[in-house]
Amino acid sequence: GQRRPPPGDLAALAELDEAALLAGLRERFLQQHIYTDIGDILVAMNPFQPLPLYGREVSAGPPAAPRCPPAAHASPLPLPRRSPSGTGASRP
């Protein structure tokens, strides 16, 4: 029979282990599906070739809305302030 491609979200696999993830990513890569969801994670693979993914209508269109708010670790932390004398002492 015809082989079914792995689901777009690999977290839906019956067996979710390293071997299953790598096999699913490989299968999607061979079918030129370079973007794959694994739960809340988006994996993007380098296709090593130009793919007709983004035409003029996509490039000229409005930006897509974010899928979910950025994680707390994605926000930059404030840098400590240095004293004007350059001694390195922090000030509040």
N, C-alpha and C. Protein backbone atom coordinates (compact mmCIF):
# COMPACT_ATOMS: atom_id res chain seq x y z
N GLY A 1 0.80 -1.19 0.00
CA GLY A 1 0.00 0.00 0.00
C GLY A 1 0.84 1.24 0.00
N GLN A 2 0.16 2.35 -0.12
CA GLN A 2 0.84 3.64 -0.14
C GLN A 2 1.21 4.06 1.28
N ARG A 3 2.41 4.56 1.44
CA ARG A 3 2.89 5.01 2.75
C ARG A 3 2.27 6.34 3.11
N ARG A 4 1.75 6.44 4.33
CA ARG A 4 1.20 7.72 4.78
C ARG A 4 2.31 8.55 5.38
N PRO A 5 2.33 9.86 5.10
CA PRO A 5 3.35 10.70 5.74
C PRO A 5 3.08 10.80 7.23
N PRO A 6 4.12 11.01 8.01
CA PRO A 6 3.89 11.20 9.44
C PRO A 6 3.02 12.42 9.67
N PRO A 7 2.32 12.48 10.79
CA PRO A 7 1.46 13.64 11.05
C PRO A 7 2.28 14.92 11.15
N GLY A 8 1.60 16.06 10.93
CA GLY A 8 2.28 17.34 11.03
C GLY A 8 2.80 17.61 12.43
N ASP A 9 2.13 17.09 13.44
CA ASP A 9 2.57 17.26 14.82
C ASP A 9 3.08 15.91 15.31
N LEU A 10 4.40 15.77 15.40
CA LEU A 10 4.98 14.49 15.77
C LEU A 10 4.67 14.10 17.21
N ALA A 11 4.17 15.02 18.02
CA ALA A 11 3.77 14.66 19.38
C ALA A 11 2.56 13.72 19.36
N ALA A 12 1.87 13.62 18.22
CA ALA A 12 0.72 12.74 18.08
C ALA A 12 1.12 11.30 17.74
N LEU A 13 2.41 11.03 17.58
CA LEU A 13 2.86 9.68 17.29
C LEU A 13 2.51 8.73 18.44
N ALA A 14 2.21 7.48 18.12
CA ALA A 14 1.89 6.49 19.15
C ALA A 14 3.11 6.23 20.03
N GLU A 15 4.28 6.14 19.43
CA GLU A 15 5.54 5.95 20.16
C GLU A 15 6.32 7.26 20.05
N LEU A 16 6.52 7.92 21.16
CA LEU A 16 7.22 9.20 21.13
C LEU A 16 8.58 9.01 21.82
N ASP A 17 9.54 8.50 21.05
CA ASP A 17 10.89 8.34 21.55
C ASP A 17 11.85 8.88 20.50
N GLU A 18 13.14 8.87 20.79
CA GLU A 18 14.11 9.46 19.88
C GLU A 18 14.06 8.83 18.49
N ALA A 19 13.98 7.51 18.42
CA ALA A 19 13.96 6.83 17.12
C ALA A 19 12.73 7.23 16.31
N ALA A 20 11.56 7.32 16.96
CA ALA A 20 10.34 7.69 16.26
C ALA A 20 10.40 9.14 15.78
N LEU A 21 10.92 10.03 16.62
CA LEU A 21 11.04 11.43 16.21
C LEU A 21 11.97 11.58 15.02
N LEU A 22 13.14 10.93 15.09
CA LEU A 22 14.10 11.03 13.98
C LEU A 22 13.53 10.44 12.70
N ALA A 23 12.83 9.30 12.80
CA ALA A 23 12.22 8.69 11.62
C ALA A 23 11.15 9.61 11.03
N GLY A 24 10.32 10.21 11.89
CA GLY A 24 9.29 11.13 11.41
C GLY A 24 9.88 12.36 10.76
N LEU A 25 10.93 12.93 11.37
CA LEU A 25 11.59 14.10 10.78
C LEU A 25 12.23 13.74 9.44
N ARG A 26 12.86 12.57 9.37
CA ARG A 26 13.49 12.14 8.11
C ARG A 26 12.44 11.98 7.02
N GLU A 27 11.34 11.34 7.34
CA GLU A 27 10.27 11.12 6.36
C GLU A 27 9.73 12.45 5.86
N ARG A 28 9.49 13.38 6.78
CA ARG A 28 8.97 14.70 6.38
C ARG A 28 10.00 15.46 5.55
N PHE A 29 11.28 15.35 5.91
CA PHE A 29 12.35 16.01 5.16
C PHE A 29 12.39 15.47 3.72
N LEU A 30 12.31 14.16 3.57
CA LEU A 30 12.35 13.56 2.23
C LEU A 30 11.16 13.99 1.38
N GLN A 31 10.05 14.35 2.02
CA GLN A 31 8.87 14.84 1.31
C GLN A 31 8.87 16.37 1.20
N GLN A 32 10.00 16.97 1.55
CA GLN A 32 10.21 18.42 1.50
C GLN A 32 9.27 19.18 2.42
N HIS A 33 8.86 18.56 3.52
CA HIS A 33 8.13 19.24 4.58
C HIS A 33 9.17 19.63 5.62
N ILE A 34 9.70 20.86 5.50
CA ILE A 34 10.82 21.24 6.35
C ILE A 34 10.39 21.79 7.70
N TYR A 35 9.11 22.09 7.87
CA TYR A 35 8.61 22.58 9.15
C TYR A 35 7.77 21.48 9.80
N THR A 36 8.06 21.16 11.05
CA THR A 36 7.36 20.11 11.76
C THR A 36 7.09 20.54 13.19
N ASP A 37 5.87 20.38 13.63
CA ASP A 37 5.52 20.64 15.03
C ASP A 37 5.78 19.39 15.86
N ILE A 38 6.31 19.60 17.05
CA ILE A 38 6.41 18.55 18.06
C ILE A 38 5.84 19.18 19.32
N GLY A 39 4.53 19.07 19.50
CA GLY A 39 3.87 19.76 20.61
C GLY A 39 3.97 21.26 20.39
N ASP A 40 4.53 21.97 21.36
CA ASP A 40 4.68 23.42 21.28
C ASP A 40 5.96 23.84 20.58
N ILE A 41 6.73 22.90 20.08
CA ILE A 41 8.03 23.19 19.46
C ILE A 41 7.89 23.10 17.95
N LEU A 42 8.43 24.08 17.24
CA LEU A 42 8.48 24.05 15.78
C LEU A 42 9.91 23.73 15.37
N VAL A 43 10.10 22.64 14.64
CA VAL A 43 11.41 22.26 14.14
C VAL A 43 11.48 22.68 12.68
N ALA A 44 12.52 23.41 12.31
CA ALA A 44 12.75 23.82 10.93
C ALA A 44 14.05 23.19 10.47
N MET A 45 13.99 22.44 9.38
CA MET A 45 15.17 21.77 8.85
C MET A 45 15.64 22.48 7.59
N ASN A 46 16.96 22.57 7.42
CA ASN A 46 17.53 23.17 6.23
C ASN A 46 17.36 22.20 5.07
N PRO A 47 16.64 22.61 4.01
CA PRO A 47 16.42 21.68 2.90
C PRO A 47 17.63 21.56 1.96
N PHE A 48 18.62 22.42 2.12
CA PHE A 48 19.82 22.42 1.27
C PHE A 48 19.49 22.56 -0.21
N GLN A 49 18.35 23.17 -0.49
CA GLN A 49 17.94 23.46 -1.86
C GLN A 49 16.81 24.49 -1.80
N PRO A 50 16.66 25.28 -2.85
CA PRO A 50 15.53 26.21 -2.87
C PRO A 50 14.21 25.44 -2.98
N LEU A 51 13.24 25.83 -2.19
CA LEU A 51 11.91 25.23 -2.26
C LEU A 51 10.90 26.33 -2.55
N PRO A 52 9.88 26.02 -3.34
CA PRO A 52 8.87 27.05 -3.66
C PRO A 52 7.86 27.21 -2.52
N LEU A 53 8.36 27.57 -1.34
CA LEU A 53 7.48 27.71 -0.19
C LEU A 53 6.87 29.09 -0.07
N TYR A 54 7.63 30.11 -0.45
CA TYR A 54 7.18 31.48 -0.23
C TYR A 54 7.14 32.22 -1.56
N GLY A 55 5.93 32.37 -2.09
CA GLY A 55 5.74 33.12 -3.33
C GLY A 55 5.54 34.59 -3.02
N ARG A 56 5.31 35.36 -4.04
CA ARG A 56 5.10 36.80 -3.86
C ARG A 56 3.92 37.10 -2.96
N GLU A 57 2.85 36.28 -3.10
CA GLU A 57 1.65 36.56 -2.29
C GLU A 57 1.94 36.39 -0.81
N VAL A 58 2.82 35.47 -0.45
CA VAL A 58 3.18 35.28 0.96
C VAL A 58 4.13 36.38 1.41
N SER A 59 5.11 36.69 0.57
CA SER A 59 6.09 37.71 0.92
C SER A 59 5.45 39.09 1.05
N ALA A 60 4.46 39.39 0.22
CA ALA A 60 3.84 40.71 0.24
C ALA A 60 2.70 40.81 1.25
N GLY A 61 2.26 39.69 1.77
CA GLY A 61 1.12 39.70 2.69
C GLY A 61 1.50 40.19 4.07
N PRO A 62 0.48 40.38 4.91
CA PRO A 62 0.76 40.83 6.28
C PRO A 62 1.47 39.72 7.06
N PRO A 63 2.24 40.10 8.07
CA PRO A 63 2.92 39.07 8.85
C PRO A 63 1.91 38.20 9.59
N ALA A 64 2.26 36.94 9.74
CA ALA A 64 1.37 36.01 10.46
C ALA A 64 1.38 36.35 11.94
N ALA A 65 0.25 36.12 12.57
CA ALA A 65 0.15 36.35 14.02
C ALA A 65 0.96 35.28 14.74
N PRO A 66 1.58 35.64 15.86
CA PRO A 66 2.33 34.61 16.60
C PRO A 66 1.40 33.49 17.05
N ARG A 67 1.95 32.28 17.08
CA ARG A 67 1.16 31.11 17.45
C ARG A 67 0.84 31.10 18.93
N CYS A 68 1.77 31.56 19.74
CA CYS A 68 1.55 31.61 21.17
C CYS A 68 2.49 32.66 21.75
N PRO A 69 2.22 33.14 22.96
CA PRO A 69 3.10 34.16 23.52
C PRO A 69 4.50 33.60 23.73
N PRO A 70 5.52 34.46 23.61
CA PRO A 70 6.89 33.97 23.81
C PRO A 70 7.09 33.47 25.23
N ALA A 71 7.97 32.51 25.35
CA ALA A 71 8.27 31.95 26.67
C ALA A 71 9.01 32.98 27.50
N ALA A 72 8.92 32.85 28.81
CA ALA A 72 9.57 33.80 29.71
C ALA A 72 11.06 33.86 29.47
N HIS A 73 11.68 32.73 29.12
CA HIS A 73 13.13 32.75 28.91
C HIS A 73 13.52 33.46 27.61
N ALA A 74 12.56 33.78 26.75
CA ALA A 74 12.86 34.46 25.50
C ALA A 74 13.01 35.97 25.70
N SER A 75 12.60 36.49 26.84
CA SER A 75 12.71 37.93 27.10
C SER A 75 14.11 38.25 27.60
N PRO A 76 14.71 39.32 27.07
CA PRO A 76 16.05 39.68 27.54
C PRO A 76 16.01 40.15 28.99
N LEU A 77 17.02 39.80 29.71
CA LEU A 77 17.13 40.24 31.10
C LEU A 77 17.75 41.62 31.14
N PRO A 78 17.34 42.48 32.08
CA PRO A 78 17.96 43.80 32.17
C PRO A 78 19.41 43.66 32.61
N LEU A 79 20.26 44.48 32.02
CA LEU A 79 21.67 44.46 32.39
C LEU A 79 21.89 45.27 33.66
N PRO A 80 22.83 44.88 34.51
CA PRO A 80 23.10 45.66 35.72
C PRO A 80 23.66 47.02 35.32
N ARG A 81 23.31 48.03 36.08
CA ARG A 81 23.81 49.37 35.81
C ARG A 81 25.19 49.54 36.44
N ARG A 82 26.05 50.22 35.77
CA ARG A 82 27.40 50.48 36.29
C ARG A 82 27.45 51.90 36.84
N SER A 83 28.28 52.09 37.83
CA SER A 83 28.43 53.44 38.39
C SER A 83 29.14 54.32 37.39
N PRO A 84 28.87 55.63 37.41
CA PRO A 84 29.51 56.53 36.45
C PRO A 84 31.03 56.59 36.63
N SER A 85 31.54 56.26 37.80
CA SER A 85 32.98 56.33 38.01
C SER A 85 33.71 55.18 37.36
N GLY A 86 32.95 54.16 36.91
CA GLY A 86 33.58 53.03 36.25
C GLY A 86 34.18 52.03 37.22
N THR A 87 33.83 52.10 38.49
CA THR A 87 34.39 51.18 39.47
C THR A 87 33.76 49.80 39.36
N GLY A 88 32.68 49.70 38.62
CA GLY A 88 32.02 48.41 38.48
C GLY A 88 30.97 48.16 39.54
N ALA A 89 30.83 49.05 40.50
CA ALA A 89 29.81 48.86 41.55
C ALA A 89 28.44 49.08 40.93
N SER A 90 27.54 48.23 41.29
CA SER A 90 26.16 48.34 40.77
C SER A 90 25.39 49.33 41.62
N ARG A 91 24.45 49.97 41.00
CA ARG A 91 23.55 50.85 41.75
C ARG A 91 22.13 50.40 41.45
N PRO A 92 21.22 50.65 42.39
CA PRO A 92 19.83 50.20 42.19
C PRO A 92 19.14 50.92 41.07
